[in-house]
PDB file of all heavy atoms in Angstrom:
ATOM      1  N   HIS A   1       0.840  -1.197  -0.009  1.00  0.00           N
ATOM      2  CA  HIS A   1      -0.021   0.005  -0.058  1.00  0.00           C
ATOM      3  C   HIS A   1       0.888   1.249  -0.038  1.00  0.00           C
ATOM      4  O   HIS A   1       1.073   1.909   1.044  1.00  0.00           O
ATOM      5  CB  HIS A   1      -0.943   0.034   1.242  1.00  0.00           C
ATOM      6  CG  HIS A   1      -2.062  -0.938   1.157  1.00  0.00           C
ATOM      7  ND1 HIS A   1      -3.242  -0.662   0.474  1.00  0.00           N
ATOM      8  CD2 HIS A   1      -2.197  -2.151   1.646  1.00  0.00           C
ATOM      9  CE1 HIS A   1      -4.023  -1.728   0.486  1.00  0.00           C
ATOM     10  NE2 HIS A   1      -3.440  -2.619   1.271  1.00  0.00           N
ATOM     11  N   PRO A   2       1.405   1.607  -1.190  1.00  0.00           N
ATOM     12  CA  PRO A   2       2.259   2.761  -1.190  1.00  0.00           C
ATOM     13  C   PRO A   2       1.567   4.062  -0.738  1.00  0.00           C
ATOM     14  O   PRO A   2       2.272   5.106  -0.404  1.00  0.00           O
ATOM     15  CB  PRO A   2       2.618   2.929  -2.683  1.00  0.00           C
ATOM     16  CG  PRO A   2       2.442   1.489  -3.202  1.00  0.00           C
ATOM     17  CD  PRO A   2       1.306   0.961  -2.498  1.00  0.00           C
ATOM     18  N   GLU A   3       0.263   4.134  -0.782  1.00  0.00           N
ATOM     19  CA  GLU A   3      -0.499   5.266  -0.335  1.00  0.00           C
ATOM     20  C   GLU A   3      -0.502   5.349   1.185  1.00  0.00           C
ATOM     21  O   GLU A   3      -0.864   6.366   1.854  1.00  0.00           O
ATOM     22  CB  GLU A   3      -1.960   5.299  -0.843  1.00  0.00           C
ATOM     23  CG  GLU A   3      -2.868   4.282  -0.153  1.00  0.00           C
ATOM     24  CD  GLU A   3      -2.634   2.817  -0.672  1.00  0.00           C
ATOM     25  OE1 GLU A   3      -1.875   2.607  -1.610  1.00  0.00           O
ATOM     26  OE2 GLU A   3      -3.193   1.852   0.015  1.00  0.00           O
ATOM     27  N   ILE A   4      -0.090   4.325   1.892  1.00  0.00           N
ATOM     28  CA  ILE A   4       0.089   4.178   3.354  1.00  0.00           C
ATOM     29  C   ILE A   4      -1.238   4.288   4.146  1.00  0.00           C
ATOM     30  O   ILE A   4      -1.620   3.337   4.845  1.00  0.00           O
ATOM     31  CB  ILE A   4       1.123   5.178   3.890  1.00  0.00           C
ATOM     32  CG1 ILE A   4       2.443   5.099   3.101  1.00  0.00           C
ATOM     33  CG2 ILE A   4       1.340   4.966   5.404  1.00  0.00           C
ATOM     34  CD1 ILE A   4       3.214   3.895   3.256  1.00  0.00           C
ATOM     35  N   ASP A   5      -1.843   5.413   4.102  1.00  0.00           N
ATOM     36  CA  ASP A   5      -2.987   5.732   4.976  1.00  0.00           C
ATOM     37  C   ASP A   5      -4.230   4.817   4.523  1.00  0.00           C
ATOM     38  O   ASP A   5      -4.630   4.742   3.336  1.00  0.00           O
ATOM     39  CB  ASP A   5      -3.384   7.195   4.682  1.00  0.00           C
ATOM     40  CG  ASP A   5      -4.416   7.637   5.758  1.00  0.00           C
ATOM     41  OD1 ASP A   5      -5.534   7.061   5.742  1.00  0.00           O
ATOM     42  OD2 ASP A   5      -4.046   8.591   6.502  1.00  0.00           O
ATOM     43  N   THR A   6      -4.768   4.060   5.472  1.00  0.00           N
ATOM     44  CA  THR A   6      -5.913   3.203   5.337  1.00  0.00           C
ATOM     45  C   THR A   6      -7.149   3.944   4.753  1.00  0.00           C
ATOM     46  O   THR A   6      -7.872   3.461   3.864  1.00  0.00           O
ATOM     47  CB  THR A   6      -6.278   2.448   6.489  1.00  0.00           C
ATOM     48  OG1 THR A   6      -5.085   1.682   6.991  1.00  0.00           O
ATOM     49  CG2 THR A   6      -7.364   1.441   6.262  1.00  0.00           C
ATOM     50  N   GLY A   7      -7.395   5.108   5.308  1.00  0.00           N
ATOM     51  CA  GLY A   7      -8.602   5.910   4.857  1.00  0.00           C
ATOM     52  C   GLY A   7      -8.413   6.319   3.389  1.00  0.00           C
ATOM     53  O   GLY A   7      -9.352   6.243   2.563  1.00  0.00           O
ATOM     54  N   VAL A   8      -7.183   6.720   3.019  1.00  0.00           N
ATOM     55  CA  VAL A   8      -6.911   7.161   1.599  1.00  0.00           C
ATOM     56  C   VAL A   8      -7.146   5.873   0.753  1.00  0.00           C
ATOM     57  O   VAL A   8      -7.800   5.926  -0.352  1.00  0.00           O
ATOM     58  CB  VAL A   8      -5.450   7.612   1.427  1.00  0.00           C
ATOM     59  CG1 VAL A   8      -5.161   7.851  -0.002  1.00  0.00           C
ATOM     60  CG2 VAL A   8      -5.358   8.920   2.284  1.00  0.00           C
ATOM     61  N   HIS A   9      -6.615   4.682   1.103  1.00  0.00           N
ATOM     62  CA  HIS A   9      -6.836   3.457   0.320  1.00  0.00           C
ATOM     63  C   HIS A   9      -8.319   3.116   0.124  1.00  0.00           C
ATOM     64  O   HIS A   9      -8.699   2.889  -1.048  1.00  0.00           O
ATOM     65  CB  HIS A   9      -6.159   2.282   1.059  1.00  0.00           C
ATOM     66  CG  HIS A   9      -6.788   0.941   0.649  1.00  0.00           C
ATOM     67  ND1 HIS A   9      -6.730   0.491  -0.574  1.00  0.00           N
ATOM     68  CD2 HIS A   9      -7.445  -0.006   1.478  1.00  0.00           C
ATOM     69  CE1 HIS A   9      -7.329  -0.712  -0.624  1.00  0.00           C
ATOM     70  NE2 HIS A   9      -7.730  -0.999   0.576  1.00  0.00           N
ATOM     71  N   VAL A  10      -9.106   3.199   1.211  1.00  0.00           N
ATOM     72  CA  VAL A  10     -10.522   2.926   1.034  1.00  0.00           C
ATOM     73  C   VAL A  10     -11.226   3.928   0.112  1.00  0.00           C
ATOM     74  O   VAL A  10     -12.039   3.452  -0.746  1.00  0.00           O
ATOM     75  CB  VAL A  10     -11.213   2.861   2.414  1.00  0.00           C
ATOM     76  CG1 VAL A  10     -12.780   2.815   2.343  1.00  0.00           C
ATOM     77  CG2 VAL A  10     -10.693   1.750   3.307  1.00  0.00           C
ATOM     78  N   MET A  11     -10.904   5.120   0.213  1.00  0.00           N
ATOM     79  CA  MET A  11     -11.485   6.089  -0.700  1.00  0.00           C
ATOM     80  C   MET A  11     -11.012   5.889  -2.149  1.00  0.00           C
ATOM     81  O   MET A  11     -11.805   5.991  -3.197  1.00  0.00           O
ATOM     82  CB  MET A  11     -11.156   7.528  -0.334  1.00  0.00           C
ATOM     83  CG  MET A  11     -11.786   7.972   1.001  1.00  0.00           C
ATOM     84  SD  MET A  11     -13.666   7.840   0.944  1.00  0.00           S
ATOM     85  CE  MET A  11     -13.937   6.580   2.105  1.00  0.00           C
ATOM     86  N   MET A  12      -9.844   5.527  -2.399  1.00  0.00           N
ATOM     87  CA  MET A  12      -9.291   5.214  -3.771  1.00  0.00           C
ATOM     88  C   MET A  12     -10.073   3.986  -4.342  1.00  0.00           C
ATOM     89  O   MET A  12     -10.532   3.979  -5.509  1.00  0.00           O
ATOM     90  CB  MET A  12      -7.839   4.863  -3.748  1.00  0.00           C
ATOM     91  CG  MET A  12      -6.925   6.065  -3.494  1.00  0.00           C
ATOM     92  SD  MET A  12      -5.208   5.639  -3.375  1.00  0.00           S
ATOM     93  CE  MET A  12      -4.864   5.165  -5.150  1.00  0.00           C
ATOM     94  N   ALA A  13     -10.329   2.927  -3.464  1.00  0.00           N
ATOM     95  CA  ALA A  13     -11.072   1.743  -3.920  1.00  0.00           C
ATOM     96  C   ALA A  13     -12.442   2.177  -4.214  1.00  0.00           C
ATOM     97  O   ALA A  13     -13.054   1.628  -5.124  1.00  0.00           O
ATOM     98  CB  ALA A  13     -10.920   0.722  -2.801  1.00  0.00           C
ATOM     99  N   LEU A  14     -13.076   3.025  -3.329  1.00  0.00           N
ATOM    100  CA  LEU A  14     -14.429   3.497  -3.564  1.00  0.00           C
ATOM    101  C   LEU A  14     -14.642   4.153  -4.898  1.00  0.00           C
ATOM    102  O   LEU A  14     -15.638   3.922  -5.649  1.00  0.00           O
ATOM    103  CB  LEU A  14     -14.884   4.251  -2.399  1.00  0.00           C
ATOM    104  CG  LEU A  14     -16.350   4.720  -2.292  1.00  0.00           C
ATOM    105  CD1 LEU A  14     -17.274   3.531  -2.360  1.00  0.00           C
ATOM    106  CD2 LEU A  14     -16.673   5.519  -1.034  1.00  0.00           C
ATOM    107  N   ASP A  15     -13.716   5.096  -5.207  1.00  0.00           N
ATOM    108  CA  ASP A  15     -13.851   5.798  -6.475  1.00  0.00           C
ATOM    109  C   ASP A  15     -13.582   4.945  -7.688  1.00  0.00           C
ATOM    110  O   ASP A  15     -14.196   5.073  -8.754  1.00  0.00           O
ATOM    111  CB  ASP A  15     -12.764   6.962  -6.485  1.00  0.00           C
ATOM    112  CG  ASP A  15     -13.174   8.131  -5.678  1.00  0.00           C
ATOM    113  OD1 ASP A  15     -14.414   8.181  -5.310  1.00  0.00           O
ATOM    114  OD2 ASP A  15     -12.332   8.985  -5.306  1.00  0.00           O
ATOM    115  N   ASP A  16     -12.779   3.887  -7.505  1.00  0.00           N
ATOM    116  CA  ASP A  16     -12.634   2.885  -8.525  1.00  0.00           C
ATOM    117  C   ASP A  16     -13.926   2.178  -8.804  1.00  0.00           C
ATOM    118  O   ASP A  16     -14.321   2.007  -9.947  1.00  0.00           O
ATOM    119  CB  ASP A  16     -11.514   1.916  -8.206  1.00  0.00           C
ATOM    120  CG  ASP A  16     -11.263   0.935  -9.338  1.00  0.00           C
ATOM    121  OD1 ASP A  16     -10.518   1.165 -10.260  1.00  0.00           O
ATOM    122  OD2 ASP A  16     -11.900  -0.245  -9.329  1.00  0.00           O
ATOM    123  N   ALA A  17     -14.629   1.772  -7.714  1.00  0.00           N
ATOM    124  CA  ALA A  17     -15.947   1.032  -7.909  1.00  0.00           C
ATOM    125  C   ALA A  17     -16.888   1.949  -8.615  1.00  0.00           C
ATOM    126  O   ALA A  17     -17.714   1.539  -9.384  1.00  0.00           O
ATOM    127  CB  ALA A  17     -16.388   0.668  -6.491  1.00  0.00           C
ATOM    128  N   ALA A  18     -16.910   3.296  -8.221  1.00  0.00           N
ATOM    129  CA  ALA A  18     -17.749   4.155  -8.947  1.00  0.00           C
ATOM    130  C   ALA A  18     -17.465   4.383 -10.388  1.00  0.00           C
ATOM    131  O   ALA A  18     -18.345   4.384 -11.197  1.00  0.00           O
ATOM    132  CB  ALA A  18     -17.780   5.520  -8.191  1.00  0.00           C
ATOM    133  N   ALA A  19     -16.156   4.455 -10.662  1.00  0.00           N
ATOM    134  CA  ALA A  19     -15.723   4.635 -12.050  1.00  0.00           C
ATOM    135  C   ALA A  19     -16.176   3.356 -12.945  1.00  0.00           C
ATOM    136  O   ALA A  19     -16.417   3.567 -14.131  1.00  0.00           O
ATOM    137  CB  ALA A  19     -14.230   4.833 -12.149  1.00  0.00           C
ATOM    138  N   CYS A  20     -16.210   2.206 -12.263  1.00  0.00           N
ATOM    139  CA  CYS A  20     -16.631   1.034 -12.986  1.00  0.00           C
ATOM    140  C   CYS A  20     -18.156   0.874 -13.054  1.00  0.00           C
ATOM    141  O   CYS A  20     -18.639  -0.036 -13.685  1.00  0.00           O
ATOM    142  CB  CYS A  20     -16.056  -0.161 -12.350  1.00  0.00           C
ATOM    143  SG  CYS A  20     -14.204  -0.333 -12.513  1.00  0.00           S
ATOM    144  N   GLY A  21     -18.897   1.833 -12.399  1.00  0.00           N
ATOM    145  CA  GLY A  21     -20.275   1.747 -12.470  1.00  0.00           C
ATOM    146  C   GLY A  21     -20.926   0.589 -11.659  1.00  0.00           C
ATOM    147  O   GLY A  21     -22.044   0.136 -11.987  1.00  0.00           O
ATOM    148  N   TYR A  22     -20.213   0.178 -10.614  1.00  0.00           N
ATOM    149  CA  TYR A  22     -20.740  -0.946  -9.796  1.00  0.00           C
ATOM    150  C   TYR A  22     -21.969  -0.541  -8.988  1.00  0.00           C
ATOM    151  O   TYR A  22     -22.247   0.638  -8.656  1.00  0.00           O
ATOM    152  CB  TYR A  22     -19.628  -1.394  -8.807  1.00  0.00           C
ATOM    153  CG  TYR A  22     -18.513  -2.048  -9.482  1.00  0.00           C
ATOM    154  CD1 TYR A  22     -17.191  -2.184  -8.865  1.00  0.00           C
ATOM    155  CD2 TYR A  22     -18.628  -2.641 -10.799  1.00  0.00           C
ATOM    156  CE1 TYR A  22     -16.130  -2.742  -9.505  1.00  0.00           C
ATOM    157  CE2 TYR A  22     -17.524  -3.234 -11.485  1.00  0.00           C
ATOM    158  CZ  TYR A  22     -16.278  -3.319 -10.762  1.00  0.00           C
ATOM    159  OH  TYR A  22     -15.292  -3.876 -11.378  1.00  0.00           O
ATOM    160  N   ALA A  23     -22.770  -1.562  -8.580  1.00  0.00           N
ATOM    161  CA  ALA A  23     -23.966  -1.302  -7.933  1.00  0.00           C
ATOM    162  C   ALA A  23     -23.734  -0.801  -6.411  1.00  0.00           C
ATOM    163  O   ALA A  23     -22.699  -0.917  -5.910  1.00  0.00           O
ATOM    164  CB  ALA A  23     -24.804  -2.676  -7.797  1.00  0.00           C
ATOM    165  N   LEU A  24     -24.765  -0.328  -5.849  1.00  0.00           N
ATOM    166  CA  LEU A  24     -24.656   0.191  -4.439  1.00  0.00           C
ATOM    167  C   LEU A  24     -24.143  -0.875  -3.496  1.00  0.00           C
ATOM    168  O   LEU A  24     -23.454  -0.596  -2.619  1.00  0.00           O
ATOM    169  CB  LEU A  24     -26.035   0.666  -3.972  1.00  0.00           C
ATOM    170  CG  LEU A  24     -26.170   1.100  -2.481  1.00  0.00           C
ATOM    171  CD1 LEU A  24     -25.258   2.354  -2.202  1.00  0.00           C
ATOM    172  CD2 LEU A  24     -27.636   1.411  -2.130  1.00  0.00           C
ATOM    173  N   THR A  25     -24.615  -2.140  -3.678  1.00  0.00           N
ATOM    174  CA  THR A  25     -24.158  -3.230  -2.784  1.00  0.00           C
ATOM    175  C   THR A  25     -22.695  -3.308  -2.763  1.00  0.00           C
ATOM    176  O   THR A  25     -22.036  -3.512  -1.728  1.00  0.00           O
ATOM    177  CB  THR A  25     -24.853  -4.520  -3.190  1.00  0.00           C
ATOM    178  OG1 THR A  25     -24.680  -4.645  -4.665  1.00  0.00           O
ATOM    179  CG2 THR A  25     -26.296  -4.622  -2.862  1.00  0.00           C
ATOM    180  N   VAL A  26     -22.118  -3.245  -4.050  1.00  0.00           N
ATOM    181  CA  VAL A  26     -20.661  -3.384  -4.108  1.00  0.00           C
ATOM    182  C   VAL A  26     -19.921  -2.169  -3.519  1.00  0.00           C
ATOM    183  O   VAL A  26     -18.917  -2.355  -2.799  1.00  0.00           O
ATOM    184  CB  VAL A  26     -20.286  -3.524  -5.614  1.00  0.00           C
ATOM    185  CG1 VAL A  26     -18.771  -3.624  -5.799  1.00  0.00           C
ATOM    186  CG2 VAL A  26     -20.844  -4.747  -6.241  1.00  0.00           C
TER     187      VAL A  26
END
């Protein structure tokens, strides 16, 4: 995790899920 901060990681993953158009459940 080169971004180090766990909160930053979760937000990066969340934005990736949004960019992919995933459902609310995901």
